[in-house]
Amino acid sequence: MSFETKKGIVYEPKNPELKSLYEVLKKNAPVLDGSRVFEELVEVYEALDFDLKEEKTNEPIVRAI
C-alpha cells in the first residue's frame, strides 16, 4: 500500500514498528500535504524506514573488550 503526496509516493513500511506513524501520515495527508511540518515528518518516517532496513540486513557488531 502507499499514498501520494505533492512530493511523491509514500510507501508502507517494511518494519511493523513504523506502521502507526505511516497510518497517521496517510490519514492526515489530505489536510497537511504541502505543509513544511508534514514534509519533514514524511522525511523522518522515510529515514527511519531506511535505517531500520539497513539495521536488519547488517550483522550485529560484537565488541571485544
N, C-alpha and C. Protein backbone atom coordinates (compact mmCIF):
# COMPACT_ATOMS: atom_id res chain seq x y z
N MET A 1 0.83 -1.18 0.00
CA MET A 1 0.00 0.00 0.00
C MET A 1 0.88 1.25 0.00
N SER A 2 0.30 2.33 -0.41
CA SER A 2 1.01 3.60 -0.44
C SER A 2 -0.02 4.72 -0.55
N PHE A 3 0.47 5.94 -0.39
CA PHE A 3 -0.36 7.10 -0.66
C PHE A 3 0.50 8.15 -1.33
N GLU A 4 -0.16 9.04 -2.04
CA GLU A 4 0.57 10.03 -2.82
C GLU A 4 0.53 11.39 -2.14
N THR A 5 1.66 12.09 -2.21
CA THR A 5 1.76 13.45 -1.70
C THR A 5 2.24 14.34 -2.83
N LYS A 6 2.31 15.63 -2.57
CA LYS A 6 2.79 16.56 -3.59
C LYS A 6 4.25 16.30 -3.94
N LYS A 7 5.01 15.70 -3.00
CA LYS A 7 6.43 15.42 -3.23
C LYS A 7 6.68 14.01 -3.75
N GLY A 8 5.64 13.17 -3.82
CA GLY A 8 5.82 11.82 -4.33
C GLY A 8 5.05 10.79 -3.53
N ILE A 9 5.35 9.55 -3.80
CA ILE A 9 4.64 8.44 -3.17
C ILE A 9 5.31 8.06 -1.86
N VAL A 10 4.49 7.79 -0.84
CA VAL A 10 4.98 7.31 0.45
C VAL A 10 4.52 5.86 0.57
N TYR A 11 5.49 4.96 0.72
CA TYR A 11 5.19 3.54 0.76
C TYR A 11 5.02 3.03 2.19
N GLU A 12 4.23 1.99 2.31
CA GLU A 12 4.02 1.34 3.61
C GLU A 12 5.36 0.78 4.10
N PRO A 13 5.60 0.85 5.40
CA PRO A 13 6.90 0.41 5.91
C PRO A 13 7.04 -1.10 5.91
N LYS A 14 8.27 -1.55 5.80
CA LYS A 14 8.57 -2.97 5.92
C LYS A 14 8.60 -3.37 7.39
N ASN A 15 8.97 -2.42 8.24
CA ASN A 15 9.09 -2.68 9.66
C ASN A 15 7.77 -2.36 10.37
N PRO A 16 7.21 -3.32 11.10
CA PRO A 16 5.92 -3.09 11.77
C PRO A 16 5.96 -1.99 12.84
N GLU A 17 7.15 -1.66 13.33
CA GLU A 17 7.28 -0.60 14.33
C GLU A 17 6.89 0.76 13.78
N LEU A 18 6.95 0.92 12.47
CA LEU A 18 6.63 2.21 11.85
C LEU A 18 5.20 2.27 11.31
N LYS A 19 4.46 1.20 11.47
CA LYS A 19 3.10 1.13 10.91
C LYS A 19 2.20 2.24 11.45
N SER A 20 2.26 2.50 12.75
CA SER A 20 1.38 3.52 13.32
C SER A 20 1.73 4.92 12.80
N LEU A 21 3.00 5.23 12.65
CA LEU A 21 3.40 6.52 12.08
C LEU A 21 2.93 6.64 10.64
N TYR A 22 3.07 5.56 9.88
CA TYR A 22 2.60 5.55 8.49
C TYR A 22 1.10 5.83 8.43
N GLU A 23 0.33 5.19 9.30
CA GLU A 23 -1.13 5.36 9.30
C GLU A 23 -1.51 6.80 9.65
N VAL A 24 -0.80 7.43 10.57
CA VAL A 24 -1.08 8.83 10.93
C VAL A 24 -0.77 9.73 9.74
N LEU A 25 0.35 9.50 9.08
CA LEU A 25 0.70 10.31 7.91
C LEU A 25 -0.33 10.14 6.80
N LYS A 26 -0.72 8.91 6.56
CA LYS A 26 -1.70 8.62 5.50
C LYS A 26 -3.04 9.29 5.80
N LYS A 27 -3.47 9.18 7.04
CA LYS A 27 -4.77 9.74 7.46
C LYS A 27 -4.79 11.26 7.32
N ASN A 28 -3.67 11.91 7.66
CA ASN A 28 -3.63 13.37 7.67
C ASN A 28 -3.09 13.99 6.39
N ALA A 29 -2.67 13.19 5.45
CA ALA A 29 -2.12 13.71 4.19
C ALA A 29 -3.07 14.64 3.46
N PRO A 30 -4.36 14.33 3.36
CA PRO A 30 -5.24 15.24 2.61
C PRO A 30 -5.29 16.66 3.18
N VAL A 31 -5.12 16.79 4.48
CA VAL A 31 -5.21 18.09 5.13
C VAL A 31 -3.85 18.78 5.22
N LEU A 32 -2.80 18.00 5.53
CA LEU A 32 -1.49 18.57 5.83
C LEU A 32 -0.52 18.59 4.66
N ASP A 33 -0.82 17.85 3.60
CA ASP A 33 0.10 17.76 2.46
C ASP A 33 0.47 19.14 1.94
N GLY A 34 1.76 19.35 1.78
CA GLY A 34 2.25 20.63 1.30
C GLY A 34 2.80 21.51 2.41
N SER A 35 2.41 21.20 3.65
CA SER A 35 2.94 21.99 4.76
C SER A 35 4.35 21.52 5.09
N ARG A 36 5.13 22.43 5.62
CA ARG A 36 6.52 22.11 5.96
C ARG A 36 6.60 21.02 7.02
N VAL A 37 5.72 21.08 8.01
CA VAL A 37 5.73 20.08 9.08
C VAL A 37 5.45 18.69 8.51
N PHE A 38 4.47 18.58 7.64
CA PHE A 38 4.13 17.29 7.05
C PHE A 38 5.30 16.75 6.23
N GLU A 39 5.91 17.61 5.43
CA GLU A 39 7.05 17.18 4.62
C GLU A 39 8.20 16.69 5.49
N GLU A 40 8.45 17.38 6.59
CA GLU A 40 9.52 16.95 7.50
C GLU A 40 9.18 15.63 8.17
N LEU A 41 7.92 15.44 8.54
CA LEU A 41 7.51 14.18 9.15
C LEU A 41 7.66 13.02 8.16
N VAL A 42 7.32 13.25 6.91
CA VAL A 42 7.49 12.21 5.89
C VAL A 42 8.98 11.89 5.72
N GLU A 43 9.82 12.91 5.72
CA GLU A 43 11.27 12.69 5.60
C GLU A 43 11.80 11.87 6.78
N VAL A 44 11.34 12.18 7.99
CA VAL A 44 11.76 11.43 9.18
C VAL A 44 11.28 9.99 9.07
N TYR A 45 10.03 9.80 8.68
CA TYR A 45 9.47 8.45 8.51
C TYR A 45 10.30 7.64 7.51
N GLU A 46 10.60 8.24 6.36
CA GLU A 46 11.36 7.52 5.34
C GLU A 46 12.79 7.22 5.79
N ALA A 47 13.39 8.14 6.53
CA ALA A 47 14.74 7.90 7.05
C ALA A 47 14.73 6.76 8.07
N LEU A 48 13.74 6.75 8.94
CA LEU A 48 13.63 5.66 9.92
C LEU A 48 13.43 4.32 9.23
N ASP A 49 12.56 4.30 8.22
CA ASP A 49 12.31 3.06 7.49
C ASP A 49 13.60 2.56 6.84
N PHE A 50 14.35 3.46 6.23
CA PHE A 50 15.62 3.10 5.61
C PHE A 50 16.61 2.57 6.65
N ASP A 51 16.76 3.31 7.75
CA ASP A 51 17.70 2.90 8.80
C ASP A 51 17.36 1.55 9.39
N LEU A 52 16.08 1.30 9.61
CA LEU A 52 15.67 0.01 10.17
C LEU A 52 15.89 -1.13 9.18
N LYS A 53 15.74 -0.86 7.90
CA LYS A 53 16.04 -1.88 6.88
C LYS A 53 17.52 -2.21 6.90
N GLU A 54 18.35 -1.16 6.95
CA GLU A 54 19.80 -1.35 6.99
C GLU A 54 20.22 -2.12 8.24
N GLU A 55 19.63 -1.77 9.36
CA GLU A 55 19.96 -2.41 10.63
C GLU A 55 19.61 -3.90 10.57
N LYS A 56 18.51 -4.21 9.94
CA LYS A 56 18.06 -5.59 9.85
C LYS A 56 18.98 -6.43 8.96
N THR A 57 19.53 -5.84 7.91
CA THR A 57 20.36 -6.59 6.98
C THR A 57 21.81 -6.73 7.44
N ASN A 58 22.26 -5.81 8.29
CA ASN A 58 23.63 -5.88 8.79
C ASN A 58 23.73 -6.82 9.98
N GLU A 59 24.86 -7.49 10.06
CA GLU A 59 25.08 -8.37 11.20
C GLU A 59 25.38 -7.53 12.43
N PRO A 60 25.01 -8.02 13.61
CA PRO A 60 25.31 -7.26 14.81
C PRO A 60 26.81 -7.13 15.02
N ILE A 61 27.20 -6.03 15.58
CA ILE A 61 28.61 -5.78 15.86
C ILE A 61 28.94 -6.33 17.24
N VAL A 62 29.96 -7.15 17.29
CA VAL A 62 30.40 -7.72 18.55
C VAL A 62 31.71 -7.04 18.91
N ARG A 63 31.72 -6.43 20.08
CA ARG A 63 32.92 -5.73 20.52
C ARG A 63 33.69 -6.59 21.51
N ALA A 64 34.97 -6.67 21.30
CA ALA A 64 35.84 -7.39 22.22
C ALA A 64 36.45 -6.38 23.18
N ILE A 65 36.41 -6.73 24.42
CA ILE A 65 36.97 -5.81 25.44
C ILE A 65 38.32 -6.31 25.91
